Amino acid sequence: MYKKLFFLLVIFTFLLPEMGTAQCAMCRAVLESEESGRAAEGINNGIVYLMAIPYVLVAGLFYFIYRKMRP
């Protein structure tokens, strides 16, 4: 049951890539109209920071589990 659901979710994700790359229309308009690119750089840095935090937390959790399971 779960394998089928996971498979359908993966297929759905690959068939509709536009949904994964969609962004706010106002943010896009502001970033495209600015010539210096400073706002776009700030937005990109913010996205990287927001994306990195869950990976750091999961890595810390796995490290904690590894240390507890090791004799």
PDB file of N, CA and C in Angstrom:
ATOM      1  N   MET A   1       0.814  -1.191   0.000  1.00  0.00           N
ATOM      2  CA  MET A   1       0.000   0.000   0.000  1.00  0.00           C
ATOM      3  C   MET A   1       0.862   1.260   0.000  1.00  0.00           C
ATOM      4  N   TYR A   2       1.841   1.324   0.933  1.00  0.00           N
ATOM      5  CA  TYR A   2       2.690   2.506   1.038  1.00  0.00           C
ATOM      6  C   TYR A   2       3.632   2.629  -0.156  1.00  0.00           C
ATOM      7  N   LYS A   3       4.053   1.487  -0.696  1.00  0.00           N
ATOM      8  CA  LYS A   3       4.925   1.528  -1.871  1.00  0.00           C
ATOM      9  C   LYS A   3       4.197   2.115  -3.064  1.00  0.00           C
ATOM     10  N   LYS A   4       2.942   1.761  -3.238  1.00  0.00           N
ATOM     11  CA  LYS A   4       2.155   2.304  -4.344  1.00  0.00           C
ATOM     12  C   LYS A   4       1.940   3.801  -4.172  1.00  0.00           C
ATOM     13  N   LEU A   5       1.639   4.205  -2.963  1.00  0.00           N
ATOM     14  CA  LEU A   5       1.425   5.626  -2.692  1.00  0.00           C
ATOM     15  C   LEU A   5       2.705   6.423  -2.927  1.00  0.00           C
ATOM     16  N   PHE A   6       3.818   5.904  -2.477  1.00  0.00           N
ATOM     17  CA  PHE A   6       5.106   6.566  -2.696  1.00  0.00           C
ATOM     18  C   PHE A   6       5.424   6.639  -4.182  1.00  0.00           C
ATOM     19  N   PHE A   7       5.197   5.556  -4.895  1.00  0.00           N
ATOM     20  CA  PHE A   7       5.454   5.529  -6.337  1.00  0.00           C
ATOM     21  C   PHE A   7       4.596   6.558  -7.059  1.00  0.00           C
ATOM     22  N   LEU A   8       3.322   6.652  -6.714  1.00  0.00           N
ATOM     23  CA  LEU A   8       2.442   7.644  -7.342  1.00  0.00           C
ATOM     24  C   LEU A   8       2.888   9.070  -7.021  1.00  0.00           C
ATOM     25  N   LEU A   9       3.337   9.296  -5.809  1.00  0.00           N
ATOM     26  CA  LEU A   9       3.819  10.619  -5.437  1.00  0.00           C
ATOM     27  C   LEU A   9       5.061  11.001  -6.237  1.00  0.00           C
ATOM     28  N   VAL A  10       5.968  10.071  -6.410  1.00  0.00           N
ATOM     29  CA  VAL A  10       7.182  10.336  -7.198  1.00  0.00           C
ATOM     30  C   VAL A  10       6.824  10.608  -8.652  1.00  0.00           C
ATOM     31  N   ILE A  11       5.956   9.806  -9.217  1.00  0.00           N
ATOM     32  CA  ILE A  11       5.536  10.012 -10.610  1.00  0.00           C
ATOM     33  C   ILE A  11       4.850  11.358 -10.763  1.00  0.00           C
ATOM     34  N   PHE A  12       3.974  11.702  -9.844  1.00  0.00           N
ATOM     35  CA  PHE A  12       3.273  12.982  -9.881  1.00  0.00           C
ATOM     36  C   PHE A  12       4.269  14.147  -9.813  1.00  0.00           C
ATOM     37  N   THR A  13       5.287  14.004  -8.975  1.00  0.00           N
ATOM     38  CA  THR A  13       6.289  15.052  -8.840  1.00  0.00           C
ATOM     39  C   THR A  13       7.080  15.239 -10.132  1.00  0.00           C
ATOM     40  N   PHE A  14       7.412  14.154 -10.800  1.00  0.00           N
ATOM     41  CA  PHE A  14       8.173  14.260 -12.034  1.00  0.00           C
ATOM     42  C   PHE A  14       7.330  14.726 -13.214  1.00  0.00           C
ATOM     43  N   LEU A  15       6.048  14.464 -13.174  1.00  0.00           N
ATOM     44  CA  LEU A  15       5.191  14.876 -14.283  1.00  0.00           C
ATOM     45  C   LEU A  15       4.819  16.354 -14.224  1.00  0.00           C
ATOM     46  N   LEU A  16       4.867  16.938 -13.046  1.00  0.00           N
ATOM     47  CA  LEU A  16       4.497  18.343 -12.890  1.00  0.00           C
ATOM     48  C   LEU A  16       5.639  19.154 -12.287  1.00  0.00           C
ATOM     49  N   PRO A  17       6.742  19.337 -13.002  1.00  0.00           N
ATOM     50  CA  PRO A  17       7.878  20.061 -12.420  1.00  0.00           C
ATOM     51  C   PRO A  17       7.614  21.547 -12.234  1.00  0.00           C
ATOM     52  N   GLU A  18       6.637  22.104 -12.952  1.00  0.00           N
ATOM     53  CA  GLU A  18       6.353  23.522 -12.810  1.00  0.00           C
ATOM     54  C   GLU A  18       5.897  23.858 -11.395  1.00  0.00           C
ATOM     55  N   MET A  19       5.210  22.940 -10.761  1.00  0.00           N
ATOM     56  CA  MET A  19       4.732  23.187  -9.399  1.00  0.00           C
ATOM     57  C   MET A  19       5.894  23.290  -8.422  1.00  0.00           C
ATOM     58  N   GLY A  20       6.936  22.546  -8.659  1.00  0.00           N
ATOM     59  CA  GLY A  20       8.096  22.572  -7.771  1.00  0.00           C
ATOM     60  C   GLY A  20       8.937  23.810  -7.925  1.00  0.00           C
ATOM     61  N   THR A  21       8.885  24.462  -9.076  1.00  0.00           N
ATOM     62  CA  THR A  21       9.699  25.650  -9.310  1.00  0.00           C
ATOM     63  C   THR A  21       8.884  26.923  -9.286  1.00  0.00           C
ATOM     64  N   ALA A  22       7.637  26.844  -8.890  1.00  0.00           N
ATOM     65  CA  ALA A  22       6.785  28.029  -8.854  1.00  0.00           C
ATOM     66  C   ALA A  22       7.242  28.971  -7.751  1.00  0.00           C
ATOM     67  N   GLN A  23       7.001  30.236  -7.957  1.00  0.00           N
ATOM     68  CA  GLN A  23       7.340  31.220  -6.934  1.00  0.00           C
ATOM     69  C   GLN A  23       6.321  32.334  -6.925  1.00  0.00           C
ATOM     70  N   CYS A  24       6.366  33.129  -5.904  1.00  0.00           N
ATOM     71  CA  CYS A  24       5.437  34.242  -5.753  1.00  0.00           C
ATOM     72  C   CYS A  24       5.607  35.223  -6.911  1.00  0.00           C
ATOM     73  N   ALA A  25       4.507  35.643  -7.508  1.00  0.00           N
ATOM     74  CA  ALA A  25       4.570  36.546  -8.662  1.00  0.00           C
ATOM     75  C   ALA A  25       5.159  37.899  -8.282  1.00  0.00           C
ATOM     76  N   MET A  26       4.845  38.403  -7.112  1.00  0.00           N
ATOM     77  CA  MET A  26       5.373  39.707  -6.697  1.00  0.00           C
ATOM     78  C   MET A  26       6.876  39.628  -6.433  1.00  0.00           C
ATOM     79  N   CYS A  27       7.325  38.566  -5.799  1.00  0.00           N
ATOM     80  CA  CYS A  27       8.763  38.411  -5.545  1.00  0.00           C
ATOM     81  C   CYS A  27       9.519  38.330  -6.869  1.00  0.00           C
ATOM     82  N   ARG A  28       8.992  37.574  -7.774  1.00  0.00           N
ATOM     83  CA  ARG A  28       9.644  37.422  -9.075  1.00  0.00           C
ATOM     84  C   ARG A  28       9.714  38.757  -9.811  1.00  0.00           C
ATOM     85  N   ALA A  29       8.629  39.535  -9.774  1.00  0.00           N
ATOM     86  CA  ALA A  29       8.616  40.831 -10.456  1.00  0.00           C
ATOM     87  C   ALA A  29       9.644  41.783  -9.856  1.00  0.00           C
ATOM     88  N   VAL A  30       9.758  41.801  -8.547  1.00  0.00           N
ATOM     89  CA  VAL A  30      10.728  42.683  -7.889  1.00  0.00           C
ATOM     90  C   VAL A  30      12.149  42.256  -8.226  1.00  0.00           C
ATOM     91  N   LEU A  31      12.414  40.958  -8.182  1.00  0.00           N
ATOM     92  CA  LEU A  31      13.771  40.483  -8.439  1.00  0.00           C
ATOM     93  C   LEU A  31      14.183  40.677  -9.892  1.00  0.00           C
ATOM     94  N   GLU A  32      13.246  40.570 -10.818  1.00  0.00           N
ATOM     95  CA  GLU A  32      13.580  40.763 -12.227  1.00  0.00           C
ATOM     96  C   GLU A  32      13.749  42.233 -12.580  1.00  0.00           C
ATOM     97  N   SER A  33      13.061  43.129 -11.870  1.00  0.00           N
ATOM     98  CA  SER A  33      13.127  44.547 -12.209  1.00  0.00           C
ATOM     99  C   SER A  33      14.352  45.233 -11.619  1.00  0.00           C
ATOM    100  N   GLU A  34      14.951  44.641 -10.605  1.00  0.00           N
ATOM    101  CA  GLU A  34      16.111  45.263  -9.975  1.00  0.00           C
ATOM    102  C   GLU A  34      17.363  45.021 -10.808  1.00  0.00           C
ATOM    103  N   GLU A  35      18.161  46.058 -10.999  1.00  0.00           N
ATOM    104  CA  GLU A  35      19.339  45.941 -11.851  1.00  0.00           C
ATOM    105  C   GLU A  35      20.571  45.451 -11.105  1.00  0.00           C
ATOM    106  N   SER A  36      20.712  45.820  -9.842  1.00  0.00           N
ATOM    107  CA  SER A  36      21.937  45.480  -9.124  1.00  0.00           C
ATOM    108  C   SER A  36      22.005  44.007  -8.738  1.00  0.00           C
ATOM    109  N   GLY A  37      20.875  43.379  -8.523  1.00  0.00           N
ATOM    110  CA  GLY A  37      20.858  41.955  -8.167  1.00  0.00           C
ATOM    111  C   GLY A  37      21.096  41.689  -6.696  1.00  0.00           C
ATOM    112  N   ARG A  38      21.165  42.731  -5.875  1.00  0.00           N
ATOM    113  CA  ARG A  38      21.406  42.534  -4.446  1.00  0.00           C
ATOM    114  C   ARG A  38      20.233  41.829  -3.756  1.00  0.00           C
ATOM    115  N   ALA A  39      19.022  42.197  -4.135  1.00  0.00           N
ATOM    116  CA  ALA A  39      17.849  41.555  -3.520  1.00  0.00           C
ATOM    117  C   ALA A  39      17.777  40.085  -3.909  1.00  0.00           C
ATOM    118  N   ALA A  40      18.082  39.777  -5.159  1.00  0.00           N
ATOM    119  CA  ALA A  40      18.062  38.384  -5.607  1.00  0.00           C
ATOM    120  C   ALA A  40      19.114  37.563  -4.863  1.00  0.00           C
ATOM    121  N   GLU A  41      20.270  38.159  -4.643  1.00  0.00           N
ATOM    122  CA  GLU A  41      21.321  37.463  -3.901  1.00  0.00           C
ATOM    123  C   GLU A  41      20.880  37.209  -2.463  1.00  0.00           C
ATOM    124  N   GLY A  42      20.223  38.187  -1.853  1.00  0.00           N
ATOM    125  CA  GLY A  42      19.724  38.018  -0.490  1.00  0.00           C
ATOM    126  C   GLY A  42      18.653  36.949  -0.397  1.00  0.00           C
ATOM    127  N   ILE A  43      17.747  36.940  -1.369  1.00  0.00           N
ATOM    128  CA  ILE A  43      16.698  35.907  -1.392  1.00  0.00           C
ATOM    129  C   ILE A  43      17.324  34.524  -1.549  1.00  0.00           C
ATOM    130  N   ASN A  44      18.291  34.396  -2.443  1.00  0.00           N
ATOM    131  CA  ASN A  44      18.948  33.098  -2.650  1.00  0.00           C
ATOM    132  C   ASN A  44      19.683  32.636  -1.397  1.00  0.00           C
ATOM    133  N   ASN A  45      20.365  33.557  -0.712  1.00  0.00           N
ATOM    134  CA  ASN A  45      21.046  33.183   0.533  1.00  0.00           C
ATOM    135  C   ASN A  45      20.048  32.744   1.598  1.00  0.00           C
ATOM    136  N   GLY A  46      18.923  33.431   1.686  1.00  0.00           N
ATOM    137  CA  GLY A  46      17.890  33.042   2.641  1.00  0.00           C
ATOM    138  C   GLY A  46      17.340  31.662   2.359  1.00  0.00           C
ATOM    139  N   ILE A  47      17.144  31.352   1.089  1.00  0.00           N
ATOM    140  CA  ILE A  47      16.655  30.025   0.713  1.00  0.00           C
ATOM    141  C   ILE A  47      17.657  28.951   1.103  1.00  0.00           C
ATOM    142  N   VAL A  48      18.937  29.221   0.881  1.00  0.00           N
ATOM    143  CA  VAL A  48      19.973  28.245   1.241  1.00  0.00           C
ATOM    144  C   VAL A  48      19.991  28.016   2.750  1.00  0.00           C
ATOM    145  N   TYR A  49      19.884  29.076   3.537  1.00  0.00           N
ATOM    146  CA  TYR A  49      19.870  28.916   4.990  1.00  0.00           C
ATOM    147  C   TYR A  49      18.653  28.129   5.439  1.00  0.00           C
ATOM    148  N   LEU A  50      17.490  28.447   4.894  1.00  0.00           N
ATOM    149  CA  LEU A  50      16.281  27.723   5.273  1.00  0.00           C
ATOM    150  C   LEU A  50      16.340  26.260   4.856  1.00  0.00           C
ATOM    151  N   MET A  51      16.989  25.975   3.740  1.00  0.00           N
ATOM    152  CA  MET A  51      17.105  24.605   3.267  1.00  0.00           C
ATOM    153  C   MET A  51      18.116  23.815   4.098  1.00  0.00           C
ATOM    154  N   ALA A  52      19.161  24.466   4.595  1.00  0.00           N
ATOM    155  CA  ALA A  52      20.230  23.765   5.302  1.00  0.00           C
ATOM    156  C   ALA A  52      19.834  23.346   6.713  1.00  0.00           C
ATOM    157  N   ILE A  53      18.984  24.101   7.372  1.00  0.00           N
ATOM    158  CA  ILE A  53      18.639  23.821   8.769  1.00  0.00           C
ATOM    159  C   ILE A  53      18.050  22.414   8.969  1.00  0.00           C
ATOM    160  N   PRO A  54      17.074  21.966   8.167  1.00  0.00           N
ATOM    161  CA  PRO A  54      16.571  20.601   8.381  1.00  0.00           C
ATOM    162  C   PRO A  54      17.642  19.526   8.190  1.00  0.00           C
ATOM    163  N   TYR A  55      18.541  19.737   7.228  1.00  0.00           N
ATOM    164  CA  TYR A  55      19.604  18.755   7.024  1.00  0.00           C
ATOM    165  C   TYR A  55      20.539  18.695   8.222  1.00  0.00           C
ATOM    166  N   VAL A  56      20.864  19.820   8.794  1.00  0.00           N
ATOM    167  CA  VAL A  56      21.724  19.848   9.977  1.00  0.00           C
ATOM    168  C   VAL A  56      21.026  19.164  11.153  1.00  0.00           C
ATOM    169  N   LEU A  57      19.750  19.423  11.331  1.00  0.00           N
ATOM    170  CA  LEU A  57      19.013  18.790  12.432  1.00  0.00           C
ATOM    171  C   LEU A  57      18.929  17.274  12.263  1.00  0.00           C
ATOM    172  N   VAL A  58      18.655  16.816  11.066  1.00  0.00           N
ATOM    173  CA  VAL A  58      18.570  15.369  10.813  1.00  0.00           C
ATOM    174  C   VAL A  58      19.940  14.725  10.986  1.00  0.00           C
ATOM    175  N   ALA A  59      20.993  15.379  10.506  1.00  0.00           N
ATOM    176  CA  ALA A  59      22.341  14.837  10.682  1.00  0.00           C
ATOM    177  C   ALA A  59      22.680  14.741  12.164  1.00  0.00           C
ATOM    178  N   GLY A  60      22.311  15.739  12.955  1.00  0.00           N
ATOM    179  CA  GLY A  60      22.548  15.698  14.399  1.00  0.00           C
ATOM    180  C   GLY A  60      21.783  14.567  15.060  1.00  0.00           C
ATOM    181  N   LEU A  61      20.553  14.353  14.618  1.00  0.00           N
ATOM    182  CA  LEU A  61      19.753  13.261  15.162  1.00  0.00           C
ATOM    183  C   LEU A  61      20.384  11.905  14.856  1.00  0.00           C
ATOM    184  N   PHE A  62      20.822  11.716  13.615  1.00  0.00           N
ATOM    185  CA  PHE A  62      21.459  10.451  13.254  1.00  0.00           C
ATOM    186  C   PHE A  62      22.778  10.265  14.002  1.00  0.00           C
ATOM    187  N   TYR A  63      23.519  11.328  14.220  1.00  0.00           N
ATOM    188  CA  TYR A  63      24.762  11.226  14.986  1.00  0.00           C
ATOM    189  C   TYR A  63      24.463  10.812  16.424  1.00  0.00           C
ATOM    190  N   PHE A  64      23.425  11.413  17.012  1.00  0.00           N
ATOM    191  CA  PHE A  64      23.028  11.064  18.374  1.00  0.00           C
ATOM    192  C   PHE A  64      22.623   9.590  18.463  1.00  0.00           C
ATOM    193  N   ILE A  65      21.837   9.135  17.498  1.00  0.00           N
ATOM    194  CA  ILE A  65      21.422   7.726  17.473  1.00  0.00           C
ATOM    195  C   ILE A  65      22.624   6.811  17.287  1.00  0.00           C
ATOM    196  N   TYR A  66      23.541   7.201  16.413  1.00  0.00           N
ATOM    197  CA  TYR A  66      24.752   6.413  16.176  1.00  0.00           C
ATOM    198  C   TYR A  66      25.569   6.275  17.457  1.00  0.00           C
ATOM    199  N   ARG A  67      25.715   7.397  18.196  1.00  0.00           N
ATOM    200  CA  ARG A  67      26.493   7.356  19.435  1.00  0.00           C
ATOM    201  C   ARG A  67      25.817   6.486  20.504  1.00  0.00           C
ATOM    202  N   LYS A  68      24.486   6.490  20.525  1.00  0.00           N
ATOM    203  CA  LYS A  68      23.765   5.676  21.515  1.00  0.00           C
ATOM    204  C   LYS A  68      23.813   4.190  21.174  1.00  0.00           C
ATOM    205  N   MET A  69      23.800   3.859  19.903  1.00  0.00           N
ATOM    206  CA  MET A  69      23.760   2.456  19.476  1.00  0.00           C
ATOM    207  C   MET A  69      25.152   1.819  19.483  1.00  0.00           C
ATOM    208  N   ARG A  70      26.170   2.606  19.457  1.00  0.00           N
ATOM    209  CA  ARG A  70      27.543   2.085  19.414  1.00  0.00           C
ATOM    210  C   ARG A  70      27.949   1.589  20.790  1.00  0.00           C
ATOM    211  N   PRO A  71      28.593   0.423  20.871  1.00  0.00           N
ATOM    212  CA  PRO A  71      28.967  -0.124  22.192  1.00  0.00           C
ATOM    213  C   PRO A  71      30.070   0.635  22.868  1.00  0.00           C
TER     214      PRO A  71
END
